[in-house]
Amino acid sequence: MASQVNRLAEQLKLAVEGTAWHGPSVLELLQRVLALEAASHPIAGAHSIWELLLHIRSDHDLFSGVAQHDLYHAGQIALLKQALATSER
């Protein structure tokens, strides 16, 4: 499980700031993009660069939230195991 989490974290890091498998990273793509350009909709009906960045950010927050959620429940399991061991005495 830890190796999968590490691999996923590395893939996310590469997609944002490194050499990603899909081509230029997000930070490379954003070089020399002005705020007005990022907010514009050059293709009718398509999302703007700014909207896509907000979406990426929410996915990142979701991933972090899932990891924190799992750690929270791992802590609960540890407490329950401790309670079980105490009650068996």
N, C-alpha and C. Protein backbone atom coordinates (compact mmCIF):
# COMPACT_ATOMS: atom_id res chain seq x y z
N MET A 1 0.81 -1.19 0.00
CA MET A 1 0.00 0.00 0.00
C MET A 1 0.86 1.26 0.00
N ALA A 2 1.90 1.27 0.86
CA ALA A 2 2.77 2.44 0.94
C ALA A 2 3.45 2.71 -0.39
N SER A 3 3.87 1.64 -1.08
CA SER A 3 4.55 1.84 -2.36
C SER A 3 3.59 2.42 -3.40
N GLN A 4 2.32 2.04 -3.35
CA GLN A 4 1.33 2.60 -4.27
C GLN A 4 1.09 4.07 -3.99
N VAL A 5 1.01 4.42 -2.71
CA VAL A 5 0.83 5.82 -2.32
C VAL A 5 2.03 6.64 -2.75
N ASN A 6 3.23 6.11 -2.54
CA ASN A 6 4.44 6.81 -2.95
C ASN A 6 4.48 7.00 -4.46
N ARG A 7 4.08 5.96 -5.20
CA ARG A 7 4.08 6.06 -6.67
C ARG A 7 3.09 7.11 -7.13
N LEU A 8 1.91 7.12 -6.53
CA LEU A 8 0.89 8.11 -6.90
C LEU A 8 1.35 9.52 -6.56
N ALA A 9 1.94 9.69 -5.39
CA ALA A 9 2.45 11.01 -5.00
C ALA A 9 3.53 11.48 -5.97
N GLU A 10 4.39 10.58 -6.39
CA GLU A 10 5.44 10.94 -7.34
C GLU A 10 4.84 11.32 -8.70
N GLN A 11 3.84 10.58 -9.15
CA GLN A 11 3.18 10.90 -10.42
C GLN A 11 2.52 12.28 -10.37
N LEU A 12 1.87 12.59 -9.24
CA LEU A 12 1.24 13.91 -9.08
C LEU A 12 2.30 15.01 -9.11
N LYS A 13 3.40 14.78 -8.41
CA LYS A 13 4.48 15.77 -8.38
C LYS A 13 5.04 15.99 -9.78
N LEU A 14 5.29 14.92 -10.51
CA LEU A 14 5.82 15.05 -11.87
C LEU A 14 4.84 15.75 -12.80
N ALA A 15 3.56 15.48 -12.64
CA ALA A 15 2.55 16.11 -13.49
C ALA A 15 2.52 17.62 -13.28
N VAL A 16 2.77 18.05 -12.05
CA VAL A 16 2.71 19.48 -11.75
C VAL A 16 4.03 20.17 -12.01
N GLU A 17 5.14 19.57 -11.60
CA GLU A 17 6.39 20.32 -11.64
C GLU A 17 7.56 19.59 -12.28
N GLY A 18 7.38 18.38 -12.72
CA GLY A 18 8.52 17.63 -13.25
C GLY A 18 8.38 17.28 -14.71
N THR A 19 9.01 16.18 -15.06
CA THR A 19 8.92 15.64 -16.41
C THR A 19 7.80 14.61 -16.40
N ALA A 20 6.64 15.01 -16.86
CA ALA A 20 5.47 14.14 -16.81
C ALA A 20 5.42 13.24 -18.03
N TRP A 21 4.76 12.10 -17.90
CA TRP A 21 4.66 11.14 -19.00
C TRP A 21 3.85 11.72 -20.17
N HIS A 22 2.99 12.67 -19.91
CA HIS A 22 2.08 13.19 -20.93
C HIS A 22 2.65 14.36 -21.70
N GLY A 23 3.83 14.84 -21.31
CA GLY A 23 4.42 16.00 -21.97
C GLY A 23 4.79 17.05 -20.95
N PRO A 24 4.66 18.33 -21.31
CA PRO A 24 5.05 19.40 -20.38
C PRO A 24 4.22 19.34 -19.09
N SER A 25 4.88 19.66 -17.97
CA SER A 25 4.18 19.70 -16.69
C SER A 25 3.26 20.92 -16.64
N VAL A 26 2.39 20.94 -15.65
CA VAL A 26 1.46 22.06 -15.50
C VAL A 26 2.24 23.37 -15.35
N LEU A 27 3.28 23.37 -14.52
CA LEU A 27 4.05 24.61 -14.33
C LEU A 27 4.74 25.05 -15.62
N GLU A 28 5.22 24.11 -16.41
CA GLU A 28 5.84 24.45 -17.70
C GLU A 28 4.79 25.07 -18.63
N LEU A 29 3.60 24.50 -18.63
CA LEU A 29 2.54 25.01 -19.50
C LEU A 29 2.07 26.41 -19.09
N LEU A 30 2.21 26.73 -17.81
CA LEU A 30 1.74 28.02 -17.30
C LEU A 30 2.76 29.14 -17.47
N GLN A 31 3.97 28.81 -17.88
CA GLN A 31 4.98 29.86 -18.07
C GLN A 31 4.49 30.87 -19.09
N ARG A 32 4.62 32.13 -18.73
CA ARG A 32 4.26 33.27 -19.59
C ARG A 32 2.76 33.35 -19.89
N VAL A 33 1.91 32.73 -19.07
CA VAL A 33 0.46 32.89 -19.21
C VAL A 33 0.02 33.99 -18.25
N LEU A 34 -0.58 35.04 -18.79
CA LEU A 34 -1.06 36.15 -17.96
C LEU A 34 -2.41 35.80 -17.35
N ALA A 35 -2.74 36.46 -16.25
CA ALA A 35 -4.00 36.20 -15.55
C ALA A 35 -5.20 36.40 -16.48
N LEU A 36 -5.18 37.46 -17.28
CA LEU A 36 -6.29 37.70 -18.21
C LEU A 36 -6.42 36.59 -19.24
N GLU A 37 -5.29 36.08 -19.68
CA GLU A 37 -5.31 34.96 -20.62
C GLU A 37 -5.86 33.71 -19.94
N ALA A 38 -5.43 33.46 -18.70
CA ALA A 38 -5.88 32.28 -17.98
C ALA A 38 -7.39 32.31 -17.74
N ALA A 39 -7.94 33.50 -17.55
CA ALA A 39 -9.38 33.63 -17.28
C ALA A 39 -10.23 33.65 -18.55
N SER A 40 -9.60 33.80 -19.69
CA SER A 40 -10.37 33.91 -20.94
C SER A 40 -10.85 32.53 -21.42
N HIS A 41 -11.82 32.58 -22.32
CA HIS A 41 -12.39 31.35 -22.92
C HIS A 41 -12.18 31.41 -24.44
N PRO A 42 -10.96 31.09 -24.90
CA PRO A 42 -10.68 31.19 -26.34
C PRO A 42 -11.43 30.15 -27.17
N ILE A 43 -11.89 29.09 -26.55
CA ILE A 43 -12.68 28.08 -27.25
C ILE A 43 -14.07 28.08 -26.61
N ALA A 44 -15.07 28.43 -27.40
CA ALA A 44 -16.44 28.52 -26.89
C ALA A 44 -16.88 27.19 -26.28
N GLY A 45 -17.42 27.26 -25.08
CA GLY A 45 -17.91 26.07 -24.41
C GLY A 45 -16.85 25.27 -23.67
N ALA A 46 -15.58 25.66 -23.80
CA ALA A 46 -14.50 24.95 -23.10
C ALA A 46 -14.13 25.70 -21.83
N HIS A 47 -13.53 25.00 -20.90
CA HIS A 47 -13.08 25.64 -19.67
C HIS A 47 -11.89 26.53 -19.94
N SER A 48 -11.72 27.54 -19.10
CA SER A 48 -10.54 28.40 -19.18
C SER A 48 -9.37 27.70 -18.46
N ILE A 49 -8.19 28.22 -18.67
CA ILE A 49 -7.01 27.71 -17.97
C ILE A 49 -7.23 27.85 -16.46
N TRP A 50 -7.77 29.00 -16.03
CA TRP A 50 -8.02 29.24 -14.62
C TRP A 50 -8.98 28.18 -14.04
N GLU A 51 -10.05 27.90 -14.76
CA GLU A 51 -11.01 26.89 -14.30
C GLU A 51 -10.37 25.51 -14.19
N LEU A 52 -9.51 25.19 -15.14
CA LEU A 52 -8.82 23.90 -15.09
C LEU A 52 -7.86 23.83 -13.90
N LEU A 53 -7.20 24.94 -13.58
CA LEU A 53 -6.32 24.98 -12.42
C LEU A 53 -7.11 24.80 -11.12
N LEU A 54 -8.28 25.42 -11.04
CA LEU A 54 -9.13 25.23 -9.86
C LEU A 54 -9.54 23.77 -9.73
N HIS A 55 -9.82 23.14 -10.85
CA HIS A 55 -10.20 21.72 -10.84
C HIS A 55 -9.03 20.85 -10.38
N ILE A 56 -7.84 21.12 -10.90
CA ILE A 56 -6.65 20.38 -10.48
C ILE A 56 -6.45 20.55 -8.99
N ARG A 57 -6.61 21.76 -8.51
CA ARG A 57 -6.42 22.04 -7.08
C ARG A 57 -7.43 21.26 -6.24
N SER A 58 -8.68 21.22 -6.68
CA SER A 58 -9.69 20.49 -5.89
C SER A 58 -9.39 18.99 -5.88
N ASP A 59 -8.88 18.46 -6.99
CA ASP A 59 -8.48 17.05 -7.02
C ASP A 59 -7.33 16.81 -6.06
N HIS A 60 -6.37 17.74 -6.03
CA HIS A 60 -5.23 17.61 -5.12
C HIS A 60 -5.72 17.62 -3.68
N ASP A 61 -6.65 18.54 -3.37
CA ASP A 61 -7.21 18.60 -2.02
C ASP A 61 -7.95 17.31 -1.69
N LEU A 62 -8.66 16.77 -2.68
CA LEU A 62 -9.39 15.52 -2.46
C LEU A 62 -8.43 14.39 -2.14
N PHE A 63 -7.33 14.29 -2.90
CA PHE A 63 -6.33 13.25 -2.66
C PHE A 63 -5.77 13.38 -1.24
N SER A 64 -5.42 14.62 -0.86
CA SER A 64 -4.90 14.84 0.49
C SER A 64 -5.94 14.47 1.53
N GLY A 65 -7.19 14.82 1.26
CA GLY A 65 -8.26 14.50 2.19
C GLY A 65 -8.47 13.00 2.34
N VAL A 66 -8.36 12.27 1.24
CA VAL A 66 -8.51 10.81 1.29
C VAL A 66 -7.38 10.21 2.14
N ALA A 67 -6.17 10.69 1.94
CA ALA A 67 -5.04 10.17 2.72
C ALA A 67 -5.24 10.48 4.20
N GLN A 68 -5.67 11.70 4.52
CA GLN A 68 -5.91 12.05 5.92
C GLN A 68 -7.05 11.24 6.50
N HIS A 69 -8.07 11.02 5.70
CA HIS A 69 -9.22 10.22 6.13
C HIS A 69 -8.78 8.81 6.48
N ASP A 70 -7.97 8.21 5.62
CA ASP A 70 -7.48 6.85 5.87
C ASP A 70 -6.61 6.80 7.13
N LEU A 71 -5.76 7.82 7.32
CA LEU A 71 -4.91 7.86 8.51
C LEU A 71 -5.76 8.01 9.78
N TYR A 72 -6.80 8.81 9.69
CA TYR A 72 -7.72 8.98 10.82
C TYR A 72 -8.32 7.64 11.21
N HIS A 73 -8.79 6.89 10.23
CA HIS A 73 -9.39 5.59 10.52
C HIS A 73 -8.35 4.57 10.98
N ALA A 74 -7.15 4.69 10.50
CA ALA A 74 -6.08 3.81 11.00
C ALA A 74 -5.86 4.07 12.49
N GLY A 75 -5.90 5.32 12.88
CA GLY A 75 -5.78 5.66 14.29
C GLY A 75 -6.93 5.08 15.11
N GLN A 76 -8.14 5.12 14.56
CA GLN A 76 -9.30 4.52 15.24
C GLN A 76 -9.11 3.02 15.40
N ILE A 77 -8.61 2.37 14.36
CA ILE A 77 -8.38 0.92 14.43
C ILE A 77 -7.36 0.62 15.52
N ALA A 78 -6.30 1.43 15.59
CA ALA A 78 -5.28 1.23 16.63
C ALA A 78 -5.90 1.35 18.02
N LEU A 79 -6.76 2.34 18.21
CA LEU A 79 -7.43 2.50 19.51
C LEU A 79 -8.34 1.32 19.82
N LEU A 80 -9.06 0.84 18.82
CA LEU A 80 -9.95 -0.30 19.03
C LEU A 80 -9.17 -1.56 19.35
N LYS A 81 -8.03 -1.76 18.67
CA LYS A 81 -7.18 -2.92 18.99
C LYS A 81 -6.67 -2.85 20.42
N GLN A 82 -6.31 -1.65 20.83
CA GLN A 82 -5.82 -1.46 22.20
C GLN A 82 -6.96 -1.75 23.18
N ALA A 83 -8.16 -1.29 22.89
CA ALA A 83 -9.31 -1.56 23.76
C ALA A 83 -9.62 -3.05 23.82
N LEU A 84 -9.51 -3.73 22.67
CA LEU A 84 -9.73 -5.17 22.65
C LEU A 84 -8.72 -5.90 23.52
N ALA A 85 -7.46 -5.52 23.42
CA ALA A 85 -6.42 -6.16 24.21
C ALA A 85 -6.64 -5.92 25.71
N THR A 86 -7.10 -4.74 26.04
CA THR A 86 -7.37 -4.43 27.44
C THR A 86 -8.57 -5.20 27.97
N SER A 87 -9.60 -5.34 27.13
CA SER A 87 -10.82 -6.04 27.57
C SER A 87 -10.61 -7.55 27.68
N GLU A 88 -9.61 -8.10 27.02
CA GLU A 88 -9.36 -9.54 27.06
C GLU A 88 -8.58 -9.94 28.32
N ARG A 89 -8.10 -8.99 29.05
CA ARG A 89 -7.29 -9.30 30.25
C ARG A 89 -8.17 -9.74 31.38
